[in-house]
Amino acid sequence: MKKLIVDSQKCIGCGTCVSLANKTFKMQNDGKSQVVNPVGDDEVIIQSAVDSCPVAAISWQEK
C-alpha cells in the first residue's frame, strides 16, 4: 500500500495541489501544503496534483 506525503522542506506553498485536489490537500498556517485526506479525491485527480507540483514535493511512498 502506498502513502501520500508532502515534503515540507521542498514545498513552496504555491497551492497547485490544493487547487487541483482540495479534498486531499490543505494549506497549513505556515503556508505549506499538507495531506488531510489521502483518498479525498479521485486517484486520477490526486496523481494530477502530484505531477503538477513544480518542486516535486508530493510523492507516494510504500508503507
PDB file of N, CA and C in Angstrom:
ATOM      1  N   MET A   1       0.838  -1.184   0.000  1.00  0.00           N
ATOM      2  CA  MET A   1       0.000   0.000   0.000  1.00  0.00           C
ATOM      3  C   MET A   1       0.881   1.244   0.000  1.00  0.00           C
ATOM      4  N   LYS A   2       0.442   2.264  -0.706  1.00  0.00           N
ATOM      5  CA  LYS A   2       1.215   3.495  -0.812  1.00  0.00           C
ATOM      6  C   LYS A   2       0.649   4.568   0.110  1.00  0.00           C
ATOM      7  N   LYS A   3       1.546   5.436   0.567  1.00  0.00           N
ATOM      8  CA  LYS A   3       1.172   6.556   1.418  1.00  0.00           C
ATOM      9  C   LYS A   3       1.524   7.849   0.683  1.00  0.00           C
ATOM     10  N   LEU A   4       0.593   8.788   0.662  1.00  0.00           N
ATOM     11  CA  LEU A   4       0.795  10.078   0.018  1.00  0.00           C
ATOM     12  C   LEU A   4       1.448  11.028   1.012  1.00  0.00           C
ATOM     13  N   ILE A   5       2.543  11.667   0.598  1.00  0.00           N
ATOM     14  CA  ILE A   5       3.227  12.594   1.500  1.00  0.00           C
ATOM     15  C   ILE A   5       3.576  13.898   0.794  1.00  0.00           C
ATOM     16  N   VAL A   6       3.690  14.949   1.594  1.00  0.00           N
ATOM     17  CA  VAL A   6       4.203  16.229   1.121  1.00  0.00           C
ATOM     18  C   VAL A   6       5.478  16.502   1.905  1.00  0.00           C
ATOM     19  N   ASP A   7       6.574  16.720   1.202  1.00  0.00           N
ATOM     20  CA  ASP A   7       7.843  17.051   1.832  1.00  0.00           C
ATOM     21  C   ASP A   7       7.831  18.546   2.137  1.00  0.00           C
ATOM     22  N   SER A   8       7.658  18.894   3.406  1.00  0.00           N
ATOM     23  CA  SER A   8       7.544  20.302   3.793  1.00  0.00           C
ATOM     24  C   SER A   8       8.837  21.080   3.560  1.00  0.00           C
ATOM     25  N   GLN A   9       9.961  20.380   3.455  1.00  0.00           N
ATOM     26  CA  GLN A   9      11.227  21.055   3.156  1.00  0.00           C
ATOM     27  C   GLN A   9      11.267  21.532   1.703  1.00  0.00           C
ATOM     28  N   LYS A  10      10.595  20.804   0.819  1.00  0.00           N
ATOM     29  CA  LYS A  10      10.567  21.162  -0.601  1.00  0.00           C
ATOM     30  C   LYS A  10       9.399  22.079  -0.957  1.00  0.00           C
ATOM     31  N   CYS A  11       8.282  21.942  -0.250  1.00  0.00           N
ATOM     32  CA  CYS A  11       7.056  22.681  -0.588  1.00  0.00           C
ATOM     33  C   CYS A  11       7.298  24.183  -0.551  1.00  0.00           C
ATOM     34  N   ILE A  12       6.863  24.870  -1.614  1.00  0.00           N
ATOM     35  CA  ILE A  12       6.997  26.325  -1.688  1.00  0.00           C
ATOM     36  C   ILE A  12       5.659  27.029  -1.464  1.00  0.00           C
ATOM     37  N   GLY A  13       4.616  26.260  -1.191  1.00  0.00           N
ATOM     38  CA  GLY A  13       3.313  26.839  -0.878  1.00  0.00           C
ATOM     39  C   GLY A  13       2.599  27.477  -2.050  1.00  0.00           C
ATOM     40  N   CYS A  14       2.816  26.967  -3.243  1.00  0.00           N
ATOM     41  CA  CYS A  14       2.196  27.563  -4.432  1.00  0.00           C
ATOM     42  C   CYS A  14       0.688  27.317  -4.498  1.00  0.00           C
ATOM     43  N   GLY A  15       0.222  26.241  -3.851  1.00  0.00           N
ATOM     44  CA  GLY A  15      -1.205  25.949  -3.808  1.00  0.00           C
ATOM     45  C   GLY A  15      -1.761  25.168  -4.983  1.00  0.00           C
ATOM     46  N   THR A  16      -0.907  24.724  -5.886  1.00  0.00           N
ATOM     47  CA  THR A  16      -1.378  23.968  -7.048  1.00  0.00           C
ATOM     48  C   THR A  16      -2.112  22.709  -6.618  1.00  0.00           C
ATOM     49  N   CYS A  17      -1.556  21.984  -5.669  1.00  0.00           N
ATOM     50  CA  CYS A  17      -2.176  20.728  -5.227  1.00  0.00           C
ATOM     51  C   CYS A  17      -3.552  20.978  -4.617  1.00  0.00           C
ATOM     52  N   VAL A  18      -3.675  22.043  -3.849  1.00  0.00           N
ATOM     53  CA  VAL A  18      -4.962  22.375  -3.234  1.00  0.00           C
ATOM     54  C   VAL A  18      -5.972  22.774  -4.302  1.00  0.00           C
ATOM     55  N   SER A  19      -5.514  23.495  -5.303  1.00  0.00           N
ATOM     56  CA  SER A  19      -6.398  23.893  -6.403  1.00  0.00           C
ATOM     57  C   SER A  19      -6.926  22.680  -7.170  1.00  0.00           C
ATOM     58  N   LEU A  20      -6.066  21.688  -7.352  1.00  0.00           N
ATOM     59  CA  LEU A  20      -6.446  20.507  -8.121  1.00  0.00           C
ATOM     60  C   LEU A  20      -7.186  19.456  -7.296  1.00  0.00           C
ATOM     61  N   ALA A  21      -6.813  19.301  -6.037  1.00  0.00           N
ATOM     62  CA  ALA A  21      -7.371  18.223  -5.200  1.00  0.00           C
ATOM     63  C   ALA A  21      -7.645  18.764  -3.781  1.00  0.00           C
ATOM     64  N   ASN A  22      -8.637  19.624  -3.684  1.00  0.00           N
ATOM     65  CA  ASN A  22      -8.878  20.306  -2.403  1.00  0.00           C
ATOM     66  C   ASN A  22      -9.516  19.442  -1.321  1.00  0.00           C
ATOM     67  N   LYS A  23      -9.907  18.226  -1.652  1.00  0.00           N
ATOM     68  CA  LYS A  23     -10.401  17.309  -0.622  1.00  0.00           C
ATOM     69  C   LYS A  23      -9.247  16.488  -0.036  1.00  0.00           C
ATOM     70  N   THR A  24      -8.118  16.507  -0.711  1.00  0.00           N
ATOM     71  CA  THR A  24      -6.950  15.730  -0.298  1.00  0.00           C
ATOM     72  C   THR A  24      -5.895  16.604   0.371  1.00  0.00           C
ATOM     73  N   PHE A  25      -5.686  17.808  -0.156  1.00  0.00           N
ATOM     74  CA  PHE A  25      -4.645  18.703   0.353  1.00  0.00           C
ATOM     75  C   PHE A  25      -5.254  19.977   0.932  1.00  0.00           C
ATOM     76  N   LYS A  26      -4.592  20.511   1.950  1.00  0.00           N
ATOM     77  CA  LYS A  26      -4.951  21.806   2.542  1.00  0.00           C
ATOM     78  C   LYS A  26      -3.664  22.560   2.827  1.00  0.00           C
ATOM     79  N   MET A  27      -3.761  23.878   2.852  1.00  0.00           N
ATOM     80  CA  MET A  27      -2.614  24.688   3.224  1.00  0.00           C
ATOM     81  C   MET A  27      -2.592  24.829   4.741  1.00  0.00           C
ATOM     82  N   GLN A  28      -1.414  24.686   5.316  1.00  0.00           N
ATOM     83  CA  GLN A  28      -1.226  24.843   6.749  1.00  0.00           C
ATOM     84  C   GLN A  28      -1.010  26.323   7.074  1.00  0.00           C
ATOM     85  N   ASN A  29      -0.982  26.643   8.345  1.00  0.00           N
ATOM     86  CA  ASN A  29      -0.751  28.020   8.776  1.00  0.00           C
ATOM     87  C   ASN A  29       0.610  28.549   8.342  1.00  0.00           C
ATOM     88  N   ASP A  30       1.569  27.652   8.144  1.00  0.00           N
ATOM     89  CA  ASP A  30       2.911  28.085   7.718  1.00  0.00           C
ATOM     90  C   ASP A  30       3.010  28.281   6.206  1.00  0.00           C
ATOM     91  N   GLY A  31       1.882  28.116   5.504  1.00  0.00           N
ATOM     92  CA  GLY A  31       1.861  28.331   4.059  1.00  0.00           C
ATOM     93  C   GLY A  31       2.293  27.133   3.239  1.00  0.00           C
ATOM     94  N   LYS A  32       2.477  25.996   3.887  1.00  0.00           N
ATOM     95  CA  LYS A  32       2.886  24.775   3.198  1.00  0.00           C
ATOM     96  C   LYS A  32       1.696  23.827   3.084  1.00  0.00           C
ATOM     97  N   SER A  33       1.734  22.974   2.080  1.00  0.00           N
ATOM     98  CA  SER A  33       0.659  22.018   1.862  1.00  0.00           C
ATOM     99  C   SER A  33       0.782  20.821   2.801  1.00  0.00           C
ATOM    100  N   GLN A  34      -0.356  20.202   3.041  1.00  0.00           N
ATOM    101  CA  GLN A  34      -0.413  19.025   3.906  1.00  0.00           C
ATOM    102  C   GLN A  34      -1.482  18.086   3.363  1.00  0.00           C
ATOM    103  N   VAL A  35      -1.246  16.789   3.484  1.00  0.00           N
ATOM    104  CA  VAL A  35      -2.244  15.786   3.116  1.00  0.00           C
ATOM    105  C   VAL A  35      -3.219  15.683   4.290  1.00  0.00           C
ATOM    106  N   VAL A  36      -4.505  15.943   4.017  1.00  0.00           N
ATOM    107  CA  VAL A  36      -5.508  15.840   5.078  1.00  0.00           C
ATOM    108  C   VAL A  36      -6.424  14.645   4.890  1.00  0.00           C
ATOM    109  N   ASN A  37      -6.549  14.174   3.660  1.00  0.00           N
ATOM    110  CA  ASN A  37      -7.378  13.006   3.373  1.00  0.00           C
ATOM    111  C   ASN A  37      -6.823  12.335   2.125  1.00  0.00           C
ATOM    112  N   PRO A  38      -5.988  11.318   2.294  1.00  0.00           N
ATOM    113  CA  PRO A  38      -5.319  10.706   1.145  1.00  0.00           C
ATOM    114  C   PRO A  38      -6.237  10.067   0.115  1.00  0.00           C
ATOM    115  N   VAL A  39      -7.494   9.876   0.446  1.00  0.00           N
ATOM    116  CA  VAL A  39      -8.459   9.334  -0.517  1.00  0.00           C
ATOM    117  C   VAL A  39      -9.613  10.313  -0.741  1.00  0.00           C
ATOM    118  N   GLY A  40      -9.374  11.584  -0.456  1.00  0.00           N
ATOM    119  CA  GLY A  40     -10.422  12.598  -0.567  1.00  0.00           C
ATOM    120  C   GLY A  40     -10.894  12.840  -1.984  1.00  0.00           C
ATOM    121  N   ASP A  41      -9.980  12.772  -2.914  1.00  0.00           N
ATOM    122  CA  ASP A  41     -10.306  12.987  -4.323  1.00  0.00           C
ATOM    123  C   ASP A  41     -10.053  11.701  -5.092  1.00  0.00           C
ATOM    124  N   ASP A  42     -10.547  11.661  -6.312  1.00  0.00           N
ATOM    125  CA  ASP A  42     -10.301  10.538  -7.204  1.00  0.00           C
ATOM    126  C   ASP A  42      -8.794  10.379  -7.421  1.00  0.00           C
ATOM    127  N   GLU A  43      -8.337   9.151  -7.544  1.00  0.00           N
ATOM    128  CA  GLU A  43      -6.904   8.881  -7.697  1.00  0.00           C
ATOM    129  C   GLU A  43      -6.292   9.601  -8.887  1.00  0.00           C
ATOM    130  N   VAL A  44      -7.042   9.759  -9.964  1.00  0.00           N
ATOM    131  CA  VAL A  44      -6.541  10.464 -11.149  1.00  0.00           C
ATOM    132  C   VAL A  44      -6.294  11.937 -10.815  1.00  0.00           C
ATOM    133  N   ILE A  45      -7.185  12.533 -10.049  1.00  0.00           N
ATOM    134  CA  ILE A  45      -7.034  13.937  -9.646  1.00  0.00           C
ATOM    135  C   ILE A  45      -5.835  14.092  -8.711  1.00  0.00           C
ATOM    136  N   ILE A  46      -5.705  13.179  -7.759  1.00  0.00           N
ATOM    137  CA  ILE A  46      -4.566  13.231  -6.829  1.00  0.00           C
ATOM    138  C   ILE A  46      -3.257  13.096  -7.602  1.00  0.00           C
ATOM    139  N   GLN A  47      -3.201  12.167  -8.534  1.00  0.00           N
ATOM    140  CA  GLN A  47      -1.977  11.989  -9.324  1.00  0.00           C
ATOM    141  C   GLN A  47      -1.678  13.232 -10.146  1.00  0.00           C
ATOM    142  N   SER A  48      -2.708  13.896 -10.631  1.00  0.00           N
ATOM    143  CA  SER A  48      -2.514  15.142 -11.363  1.00  0.00           C
ATOM    144  C   SER A  48      -1.862  16.196 -10.469  1.00  0.00           C
ATOM    145  N   ALA A  49      -2.288  16.260  -9.211  1.00  0.00           N
ATOM    146  CA  ALA A  49      -1.683  17.193  -8.261  1.00  0.00           C
ATOM    147  C   ALA A  49      -0.224  16.826  -7.996  1.00  0.00           C
ATOM    148  N   VAL A  50       0.047  15.535  -7.837  1.00  0.00           N
ATOM    149  CA  VAL A  50       1.425  15.060  -7.629  1.00  0.00           C
ATOM    150  C   VAL A  50       2.298  15.476  -8.819  1.00  0.00           C
ATOM    151  N   ASP A  51       1.815  15.214 -10.012  1.00  0.00           N
ATOM    152  CA  ASP A  51       2.568  15.509 -11.229  1.00  0.00           C
ATOM    153  C   ASP A  51       2.723  17.010 -11.485  1.00  0.00           C
ATOM    154  N   SER A  52       1.796  17.813 -10.975  1.00  0.00           N
ATOM    155  CA  SER A  52       1.804  19.256 -11.226  1.00  0.00           C
ATOM    156  C   SER A  52       2.630  20.056 -10.233  1.00  0.00           C
ATOM    157  N   CYS A  53       3.074  19.432  -9.168  1.00  0.00           N
ATOM    158  CA  CYS A  53       3.874  20.149  -8.171  1.00  0.00           C
ATOM    159  C   CYS A  53       5.169  20.645  -8.826  1.00  0.00           C
ATOM    160  N   PRO A  54       5.404  21.956  -8.825  1.00  0.00           N
ATOM    161  CA  PRO A  54       6.570  22.491  -9.535  1.00  0.00           C
ATOM    162  C   PRO A  54       7.917  22.132  -8.899  1.00  0.00           C
ATOM    163  N   VAL A  55       7.896  21.712  -7.639  1.00  0.00           N
ATOM    164  CA  VAL A  55       9.152  21.369  -6.962  1.00  0.00           C
ATOM    165  C   VAL A  55       9.204  19.897  -6.549  1.00  0.00           C
ATOM    166  N   ALA A  56       8.270  19.095  -7.058  1.00  0.00           N
ATOM    167  CA  ALA A  56       8.212  17.651  -6.775  1.00  0.00           C
ATOM    168  C   ALA A  56       8.210  17.353  -5.279  1.00  0.00           C
ATOM    169  N   ALA A  57       7.410  18.132  -4.531  1.00  0.00           N
ATOM    170  CA  ALA A  57       7.334  17.948  -3.079  1.00  0.00           C
ATOM    171  C   ALA A  57       6.332  16.869  -2.668  1.00  0.00           C
ATOM    172  N   ILE A  58       5.499  16.427  -3.599  1.00  0.00           N
ATOM    173  CA  ILE A  58       4.471  15.430  -3.288  1.00  0.00           C
ATOM    174  C   ILE A  58       4.868  14.106  -3.917  1.00  0.00           C
ATOM    175  N   SER A  59       4.745  13.045  -3.143  1.00  0.00           N
ATOM    176  CA  SER A  59       5.109  11.735  -3.668  1.00  0.00           C
ATOM    177  C   SER A  59       4.331  10.640  -2.969  1.00  0.00           C
ATOM    178  N   TRP A  60       4.397   9.467  -3.577  1.00  0.00           N
ATOM    179  CA  TRP A  60       3.838   8.246  -2.991  1.00  0.00           C
ATOM    180  C   TRP A  60       4.994   7.465  -2.397  1.00  0.00           C
ATOM    181  N   GLN A  61       4.848   6.984  -1.185  1.00  0.00           N
ATOM    182  CA  GLN A  61       5.851   6.132  -0.560  1.00  0.00           C
ATOM    183  C   GLN A  61       5.199   4.819  -0.164  1.00  0.00           C
ATOM    184  N   GLU A  62       5.972   3.759  -0.307  1.00  0.00           N
ATOM    185  CA  GLU A  62       5.486   2.444   0.131  1.00  0.00           C
ATOM    186  C   GLU A  62       5.428   2.409   1.655  1.00  0.00           C
ATOM    187  N   LYS A  63       4.345   1.869   2.186  1.00  0.00           N
ATOM    188  CA  LYS A  63       4.214   1.764   3.645  1.00  0.00           C
ATOM    189  C   LYS A  63       5.019   0.617   4.157  1.00  0.00           C
TER     190      LYS A  63
END
